[in-house]
């Protein structure tokens, strides 16, 4: 799935949080490849900057905070 397709699903508040988080992790694959790092390295950077673990965001606010952060890298 493309980054834009996954991105639109992350931002779709009608979808369940766990499904949106899964799409955010797919986007992380694209971003980490663009940056030349592993997805796990991107997650560590995101956790350090936002305090949010994309493997288990607690709510929509956390998901969007982490997603917005790594998208702007």
PDB file of N, CA and C in Angstrom:
ATOM      1  N   UNK A   1       0.844  -1.172   0.000  1.00  0.00           N
ATOM      2  CA  UNK A   1       0.000   0.000   0.000  1.00  0.00           C
ATOM      3  C   UNK A   1       0.893   1.241   0.000  1.00  0.00           C
ATOM      4  N   UNK A   2       0.466   2.271  -0.677  1.00  0.00           N
ATOM      5  CA  UNK A   2       1.274   3.483  -0.771  1.00  0.00           C
ATOM      6  C   UNK A   2       1.217   4.286   0.524  1.00  0.00           C
ATOM      7  N   UNK A   3       2.173   5.176   0.663  1.00  0.00           N
ATOM      8  CA  UNK A   3       2.207   6.046   1.839  1.00  0.00           C
ATOM      9  C   UNK A   3       0.935   6.890   1.904  1.00  0.00           C
ATOM     10  N   UNK A   4       0.512   7.456   0.785  1.00  0.00           N
ATOM     11  CA  UNK A   4      -0.675   8.317   0.788  1.00  0.00           C
ATOM     12  C   UNK A   4      -1.940   7.552   1.150  1.00  0.00           C
ATOM     13  N   UNK A   5      -2.050   6.326   0.691  1.00  0.00           N
ATOM     14  CA  UNK A   5      -3.208   5.504   1.020  1.00  0.00           C
ATOM     15  C   UNK A   5      -3.226   5.184   2.515  1.00  0.00           C
ATOM     16  N   UNK A   6      -2.074   4.788   3.039  1.00  0.00           N
ATOM     17  CA  UNK A   6      -1.984   4.497   4.474  1.00  0.00           C
ATOM     18  C   UNK A   6      -2.206   5.759   5.292  1.00  0.00           C
ATOM     19  N   UNK A   7      -1.648   6.869   4.827  1.00  0.00           N
ATOM     20  CA  UNK A   7      -1.784   8.144   5.538  1.00  0.00           C
ATOM     21  C   UNK A   7      -3.259   8.525   5.691  1.00  0.00           C
ATOM     22  N   UNK A   8      -4.030   8.378   4.631  1.00  0.00           N
ATOM     23  CA  UNK A   8      -5.447   8.746   4.702  1.00  0.00           C
ATOM     24  C   UNK A   8      -6.188   7.868   5.706  1.00  0.00           C
ATOM     25  N   UNK A   9      -5.764   6.626   5.849  1.00  0.00           N
ATOM     26  CA  UNK A   9      -6.408   5.727   6.810  1.00  0.00           C
ATOM     27  C   UNK A   9      -5.996   6.047   8.242  1.00  0.00           C
ATOM     28  N   UNK A  10      -4.774   6.522   8.439  1.00  0.00           N
ATOM     29  CA  UNK A  10      -4.346   6.959   9.775  1.00  0.00           C
ATOM     30  C   UNK A  10      -5.223   8.123  10.223  1.00  0.00           C
ATOM     31  N   UNK A  11      -5.528   9.015   9.312  1.00  0.00           N
ATOM     32  CA  UNK A  11      -6.270  10.232   9.640  1.00  0.00           C
ATOM     33  C   UNK A  11      -7.785  10.039   9.654  1.00  0.00           C
ATOM     34  N   UNK A  12      -8.260   8.855   9.289  1.00  0.00           N
ATOM     35  CA  UNK A  12      -9.694   8.570   9.246  1.00  0.00           C
ATOM     36  C   UNK A  12     -10.196   8.206  10.644  1.00  0.00           C
ATOM     37  N   UNK A  13     -10.830   9.158  11.308  1.00  0.00           N
ATOM     38  CA  UNK A  13     -11.272   8.946  12.693  1.00  0.00           C
ATOM     39  C   UNK A  13     -12.419   7.946  12.809  1.00  0.00           C
ATOM     40  N   UNK A  14     -12.979   7.508  11.690  1.00  0.00           N
ATOM     41  CA  UNK A  14     -14.052   6.507  11.726  1.00  0.00           C
ATOM     42  C   UNK A  14     -13.511   5.089  11.888  1.00  0.00           C
ATOM     43  N   UNK A  15     -12.227   4.903  11.610  1.00  0.00           N
ATOM     44  CA  UNK A  15     -11.614   3.579  11.750  1.00  0.00           C
ATOM     45  C   UNK A  15     -11.202   3.341  13.199  1.00  0.00           C
ATOM     46  N   UNK A  16     -11.151   2.074  13.631  1.00  0.00           N
ATOM     47  CA  UNK A  16     -10.697   1.750  14.988  1.00  0.00           C
ATOM     48  C   UNK A  16      -9.233   2.167  15.186  1.00  0.00           C
ATOM     49  N   UNK A  17      -8.900   2.536  16.415  1.00  0.00           N
ATOM     50  CA  UNK A  17      -7.554   3.010  16.733  1.00  0.00           C
ATOM     51  C   UNK A  17      -6.487   1.992  16.345  1.00  0.00           C
ATOM     52  N   UNK A  18      -6.705   0.715  16.637  1.00  0.00           N
ATOM     53  CA  UNK A  18      -5.671  -0.284  16.323  1.00  0.00           C
ATOM     54  C   UNK A  18      -5.437  -0.400  14.815  1.00  0.00           C
ATOM     55  N   UNK A  19      -6.471  -0.229  14.022  1.00  0.00           N
ATOM     56  CA  UNK A  19      -6.323  -0.271  12.561  1.00  0.00           C
ATOM     57  C   UNK A  19      -5.572   0.966  12.071  1.00  0.00           C
ATOM     58  N   UNK A  20      -5.893   2.109  12.640  1.00  0.00           N
ATOM     59  CA  UNK A  20      -5.203   3.350  12.268  1.00  0.00           C
ATOM     60  C   UNK A  20      -3.730   3.270  12.652  1.00  0.00           C
ATOM     61  N   UNK A  21      -3.439   2.699  13.818  1.00  0.00           N
ATOM     62  CA  UNK A  21      -2.047   2.545  14.260  1.00  0.00           C
ATOM     63  C   UNK A  21      -1.289   1.620  13.315  1.00  0.00           C
ATOM     64  N   UNK A  22      -1.942   0.581  12.834  1.00  0.00           N
ATOM     65  CA  UNK A  22      -1.313  -0.325  11.877  1.00  0.00           C
ATOM     66  C   UNK A  22      -0.936   0.421  10.597  1.00  0.00           C
ATOM     67  N   UNK A  23      -1.812   1.282  10.139  1.00  0.00           N
ATOM     68  CA  UNK A  23      -1.507   2.075   8.944  1.00  0.00           C
ATOM     69  C   UNK A  23      -0.382   3.074   9.222  1.00  0.00           C
ATOM     70  N   UNK A  24      -0.325   3.607  10.436  1.00  0.00           N
ATOM     71  CA  UNK A  24       0.780   4.510  10.804  1.00  0.00           C
ATOM     72  C   UNK A  24       2.105   3.758  10.758  1.00  0.00           C
ATOM     73  N   UNK A  25       2.101   2.517  11.223  1.00  0.00           N
ATOM     74  CA  UNK A  25       3.329   1.717  11.172  1.00  0.00           C
ATOM     75  C   UNK A  25       3.739   1.427   9.727  1.00  0.00           C
ATOM     76  N   UNK A  26       2.763   1.259   8.837  1.00  0.00           N
ATOM     77  CA  UNK A  26       3.081   1.095   7.412  1.00  0.00           C
ATOM     78  C   UNK A  26       3.725   2.360   6.860  1.00  0.00           C
ATOM     79  N   UNK A  27       3.195   3.498   7.250  1.00  0.00           N
ATOM     80  CA  UNK A  27       3.797   4.773   6.832  1.00  0.00           C
ATOM     81  C   UNK A  27       5.218   4.886   7.371  1.00  0.00           C
ATOM     82  N   UNK A  28       5.427   4.388   8.574  1.00  0.00           N
ATOM     83  CA  UNK A  28       6.767   4.434   9.173  1.00  0.00           C
ATOM     84  C   UNK A  28       7.767   3.660   8.317  1.00  0.00           C
ATOM     85  N   UNK A  29       7.321   2.588   7.685  1.00  0.00           N
ATOM     86  CA  UNK A  29       8.208   1.843   6.775  1.00  0.00           C
ATOM     87  C   UNK A  29       8.685   2.736   5.635  1.00  0.00           C
ATOM     88  N   UNK A  30       7.772   3.495   5.065  1.00  0.00           N
ATOM     89  CA  UNK A  30       8.121   4.392   3.952  1.00  0.00           C
ATOM     90  C   UNK A  30       9.057   5.504   4.418  1.00  0.00           C
ATOM     91  N   UNK A  31       8.743   6.095   5.564  1.00  0.00           N
ATOM     92  CA  UNK A  31       9.556   7.202   6.084  1.00  0.00           C
ATOM     93  C   UNK A  31      10.947   6.712   6.459  1.00  0.00           C
ATOM     94  N   UNK A  32      11.030   5.580   7.136  1.00  0.00           N
ATOM     95  CA  UNK A  32      12.347   5.075   7.541  1.00  0.00           C
ATOM     96  C   UNK A  32      13.197   4.727   6.321  1.00  0.00           C
ATOM     97  N   UNK A  33      12.582   4.183   5.282  1.00  0.00           N
ATOM     98  CA  UNK A  33      13.328   3.878   4.054  1.00  0.00           C
ATOM     99  C   UNK A  33      13.851   5.163   3.417  1.00  0.00           C
ATOM    100  N   UNK A  34      13.023   6.189   3.411  1.00  0.00           N
ATOM    101  CA  UNK A  34      13.439   7.475   2.844  1.00  0.00           C
ATOM    102  C   UNK A  34      14.602   8.069   3.632  1.00  0.00           C
ATOM    103  N   UNK A  35      14.584   7.871   4.961  1.00  0.00           N
ATOM    104  CA  UNK A  35      15.637   8.408   5.821  1.00  0.00           C
ATOM    105  C   UNK A  35      16.878   7.516   5.869  1.00  0.00           C
ATOM    106  N   UNK A  36      16.756   6.287   5.375  1.00  0.00           N
ATOM    107  CA  UNK A  36      17.885   5.360   5.397  1.00  0.00           C
ATOM    108  C   UNK A  36      18.143   4.747   6.761  1.00  0.00           C
ATOM    109  N   UNK A  37      17.072   4.591   7.548  1.00  0.00           N
ATOM    110  CA  UNK A  37      17.175   3.963   8.866  1.00  0.00           C
ATOM    111  C   UNK A  37      16.135   2.842   8.942  1.00  0.00           C
ATOM    112  N   UNK A  38      16.228   2.026   9.992  1.00  0.00           N
ATOM    113  CA  UNK A  38      15.230   0.972  10.165  1.00  0.00           C
ATOM    114  C   UNK A  38      13.968   1.552  10.793  1.00  0.00           C
ATOM    115  N   UNK A  39      12.886   0.812  10.652  1.00  0.00           N
ATOM    116  CA  UNK A  39      11.633   1.233  11.280  1.00  0.00           C
ATOM    117  C   UNK A  39      11.790   1.314  12.795  1.00  0.00           C
ATOM    118  N   UNK A  40      12.510   0.359  13.364  1.00  0.00           N
ATOM    119  CA  UNK A  40      12.714   0.372  14.818  1.00  0.00           C
ATOM    120  C   UNK A  40      13.502   1.602  15.258  1.00  0.00           C
ATOM    121  N   UNK A  41      14.481   2.012  14.459  1.00  0.00           N
ATOM    122  CA  UNK A  41      15.220   3.243  14.776  1.00  0.00           C
ATOM    123  C   UNK A  41      14.284   4.450  14.722  1.00  0.00           C
ATOM    124  N   UNK A  42      13.406   4.473  13.734  1.00  0.00           N
ATOM    125  CA  UNK A  42      12.437   5.565  13.634  1.00  0.00           C
ATOM    126  C   UNK A  42      11.516   5.573  14.845  1.00  0.00           C
ATOM    127  N   UNK A  43      11.085   4.396  15.290  1.00  0.00           N
ATOM    128  CA  UNK A  43      10.229   4.316  16.473  1.00  0.00           C
ATOM    129  C   UNK A  43      10.951   4.851  17.705  1.00  0.00           C
ATOM    130  N   UNK A  44      12.232   4.516  17.861  1.00  0.00           N
ATOM    131  CA  UNK A  44      13.000   5.010  19.006  1.00  0.00           C
ATOM    132  C   UNK A  44      13.113   6.527  18.984  1.00  0.00           C
ATOM    133  N   UNK A  45      13.367   7.084  17.804  1.00  0.00           N
ATOM    134  CA  UNK A  45      13.452   8.542  17.656  1.00  0.00           C
ATOM    135  C   UNK A  45      12.103   9.177  18.006  1.00  0.00           C
ATOM    136  N   UNK A  46      11.034   8.566  17.537  1.00  0.00           N
ATOM    137  CA  UNK A  46       9.688   9.088  17.778  1.00  0.00           C
ATOM    138  C   UNK A  46       9.325   9.012  19.255  1.00  0.00           C
ATOM    139  N   UNK A  47       9.654   7.896  19.904  1.00  0.00           N
ATOM    140  CA  UNK A  47       9.380   7.759  21.338  1.00  0.00           C
ATOM    141  C   UNK A  47      10.150   8.810  22.123  1.00  0.00           C
ATOM    142  N   UNK A  48      11.411   9.002  21.780  1.00  0.00           N
ATOM    143  CA  UNK A  48      12.240   9.982  22.488  1.00  0.00           C
ATOM    144  C   UNK A  48      11.667  11.392  22.344  1.00  0.00           C
ATOM    145  N   UNK A  49      11.182  11.722  21.155  1.00  0.00           N
ATOM    146  CA  UNK A  49      10.676  13.073  20.895  1.00  0.00           C
ATOM    147  C   UNK A  49       9.251  13.301  21.394  1.00  0.00           C
ATOM    148  N   UNK A  50       8.420  12.253  21.354  1.00  0.00           N
ATOM    149  CA  UNK A  50       6.996  12.446  21.660  1.00  0.00           C
ATOM    150  C   UNK A  50       6.510  11.695  22.892  1.00  0.00           C
ATOM    151  N   UNK A  51       7.266  10.681  23.303  1.00  0.00           N
ATOM    152  CA  UNK A  51       6.817   9.843  24.410  1.00  0.00           C
ATOM    153  C   UNK A  51       5.773   8.821  24.000  1.00  0.00           C
ATOM    154  N   UNK A  52       5.557   8.662  22.708  1.00  0.00           N
ATOM    155  CA  UNK A  52       4.513   7.760  22.208  1.00  0.00           C
ATOM    156  C   UNK A  52       5.138   6.558  21.511  1.00  0.00           C
ATOM    157  N   UNK A  53       4.686   5.368  21.897  1.00  0.00           N
ATOM    158  CA  UNK A  53       5.104   4.127  21.248  1.00  0.00           C
ATOM    159  C   UNK A  53       4.050   3.768  20.201  1.00  0.00           C
ATOM    160  N   UNK A  54       4.420   3.814  18.938  1.00  0.00           N
ATOM    161  CA  UNK A  54       3.462   3.520  17.867  1.00  0.00           C
ATOM    162  C   UNK A  54       3.011   2.065  17.843  1.00  0.00           C
ATOM    163  N   UNK A  55       3.687   1.209  18.583  1.00  0.00           N
ATOM    164  CA  UNK A  55       3.229  -0.175  18.676  1.00  0.00           C
ATOM    165  C   UNK A  55       2.008  -0.293  19.569  1.00  0.00           C
ATOM    166  N   UNK A  56       1.793   0.705  20.425  1.00  0.00           N
ATOM    167  CA  UNK A  56       0.633   0.663  21.325  1.00  0.00           C
ATOM    168  C   UNK A  56       0.207   2.065  21.768  1.00  0.00           C
ATOM    169  N   UNK A  57      -0.245   2.895  20.825  1.00  0.00           N
ATOM    170  CA  UNK A  57      -0.738   4.218  21.220  1.00  0.00           C
ATOM    171  C   UNK A  57      -1.981   4.064  22.096  1.00  0.00           C
ATOM    172  N   UNK A  58      -2.103   4.907  23.111  1.00  0.00           N
ATOM    173  CA  UNK A  58      -3.207   4.788  24.068  1.00  0.00           C
ATOM    174  C   UNK A  58      -4.499   5.417  23.570  1.00  0.00           C
ATOM    175  N   UNK A  59      -4.370   6.405  22.688  1.00  0.00           N
ATOM    176  CA  UNK A  59      -5.559   7.104  22.206  1.00  0.00           C
ATOM    177  C   UNK A  59      -5.241   7.810  20.888  1.00  0.00           C
ATOM    178  N   UNK A  60      -6.271   8.417  20.319  1.00  0.00           N
ATOM    179  CA  UNK A  60      -6.103   9.099  19.035  1.00  0.00           C
ATOM    180  C   UNK A  60      -5.091  10.235  19.131  1.00  0.00           C
ATOM    181  N   UNK A  61      -5.119  10.954  20.219  1.00  0.00           N
ATOM    182  CA  UNK A  61      -4.198  12.078  20.396  1.00  0.00           C
ATOM    183  C   UNK A  61      -2.743  11.620  20.326  1.00  0.00           C
ATOM    184  N   UNK A  62      -2.430  10.525  21.005  1.00  0.00           N
ATOM    185  CA  UNK A  62      -1.070   9.984  20.959  1.00  0.00           C
ATOM    186  C   UNK A  62      -0.697   9.543  19.548  1.00  0.00           C
ATOM    187  N   UNK A  63      -1.617   8.860  18.903  1.00  0.00           N
ATOM    188  CA  UNK A  63      -1.354   8.373  17.546  1.00  0.00           C
ATOM    189  C   UNK A  63      -1.013   9.531  16.609  1.00  0.00           C
ATOM    190  N   UNK A  64      -1.827  10.557  16.631  1.00  0.00           N
ATOM    191  CA  UNK A  64      -1.622  11.695  15.729  1.00  0.00           C
ATOM    192  C   UNK A  64      -0.354  12.461  16.100  1.00  0.00           C
ATOM    193  N   UNK A  65      -0.065  12.566  17.376  1.00  0.00           N
ATOM    194  CA  UNK A  65       1.159  13.249  17.818  1.00  0.00           C
ATOM    195  C   UNK A  65       2.396  12.558  17.244  1.00  0.00           C
ATOM    196  N   UNK A  66       2.474  11.249  17.399  1.00  0.00           N
ATOM    197  CA  UNK A  66       3.631  10.494  16.904  1.00  0.00           C
ATOM    198  C   UNK A  66       3.667  10.485  15.380  1.00  0.00           C
ATOM    199  N   UNK A  67       2.525  10.270  14.763  1.00  0.00           N
ATOM    200  CA  UNK A  67       2.451  10.229  13.306  1.00  0.00           C
ATOM    201  C   UNK A  67       2.884  11.567  12.703  1.00  0.00           C
ATOM    202  N   UNK A  68       2.372  12.644  13.238  1.00  0.00           N
ATOM    203  CA  UNK A  68       2.730  13.980  12.737  1.00  0.00           C
ATOM    204  C   UNK A  68       4.214  14.246  12.898  1.00  0.00           C
ATOM    205  N   UNK A  69       4.772  13.782  14.021  1.00  0.00           N
ATOM    206  CA  UNK A  69       6.203  13.992  14.253  1.00  0.00           C
ATOM    207  C   UNK A  69       7.044  13.295  13.182  1.00  0.00           C
ATOM    208  N   UNK A  70       6.830  11.997  13.002  1.00  0.00           N
ATOM    209  CA  UNK A  70       7.732  11.297  12.076  1.00  0.00           C
ATOM    210  C   UNK A  70       7.460  11.660  10.623  1.00  0.00           C
ATOM    211  N   UNK A  71       6.261  12.109  10.312  1.00  0.00           N
ATOM    212  CA  UNK A  71       5.992  12.528   8.930  1.00  0.00           C
ATOM    213  C   UNK A  71       6.794  13.767   8.537  1.00  0.00           C
ATOM    214  N   UNK A  72       7.079  14.619   9.500  1.00  0.00           N
ATOM    215  CA  UNK A  72       7.796  15.853   9.172  1.00  0.00           C
ATOM    216  C   UNK A  72       9.308  15.676   9.137  1.00  0.00           C
ATOM    217  N   UNK A  73       9.801  14.482   9.471  1.00  0.00           N
ATOM    218  CA  UNK A  73      11.251  14.256   9.445  1.00  0.00           C
ATOM    219  C   UNK A  73      11.788  14.259   8.024  1.00  0.00           C
TER     220      UNK A  73
END
